[in-house]
Amino acid sequence: MSALGWYGVRCVFASGERDGDAATTYEERITIWQAASFEGAIALAEQEGAAYAAGALRRLGLVQAFALDAEPGHGAEVFAMLRRSTLDDGAYLDHFFDTGAELRGAGPTNAPDQPARS
């Protein structure tokens, strides 16, 4: 049996069903898992994701894993993804990360219809 390693796994969820032109709230979660392989970590994350969604969210099928270089600790990198793009830096950030539709913050104070705050 392989030694266990640590993995960050990213899954994407959506709230409810699409309703015409109404905006859908999407959630990206990164969880960490100790497993013997990428496949094992993904299986654990998918199982947990199904319980997390529990009828209130839709799992969108995107699951990406990242092998941590060391055991997680203070300041440890738990996920990284490389992407090639011809966009300049500002356009890249605007297109992929800062579209203006993000709901920033965490917990019940950030209701789905609340505007993003910096």
Foldseek 3Di string as FASTA:
>chain_A
DAAKFKKKKKWKKWFDDDDPPDDIDMDIDIDMDIDRDPVGRQVVVVVVVCVVCVVGIGTPPDMDMDTFPHDDDVPGDRDDDDDDDPDPPVVVCCVPPNVQQDQDDDDPVRDNVDGHDD
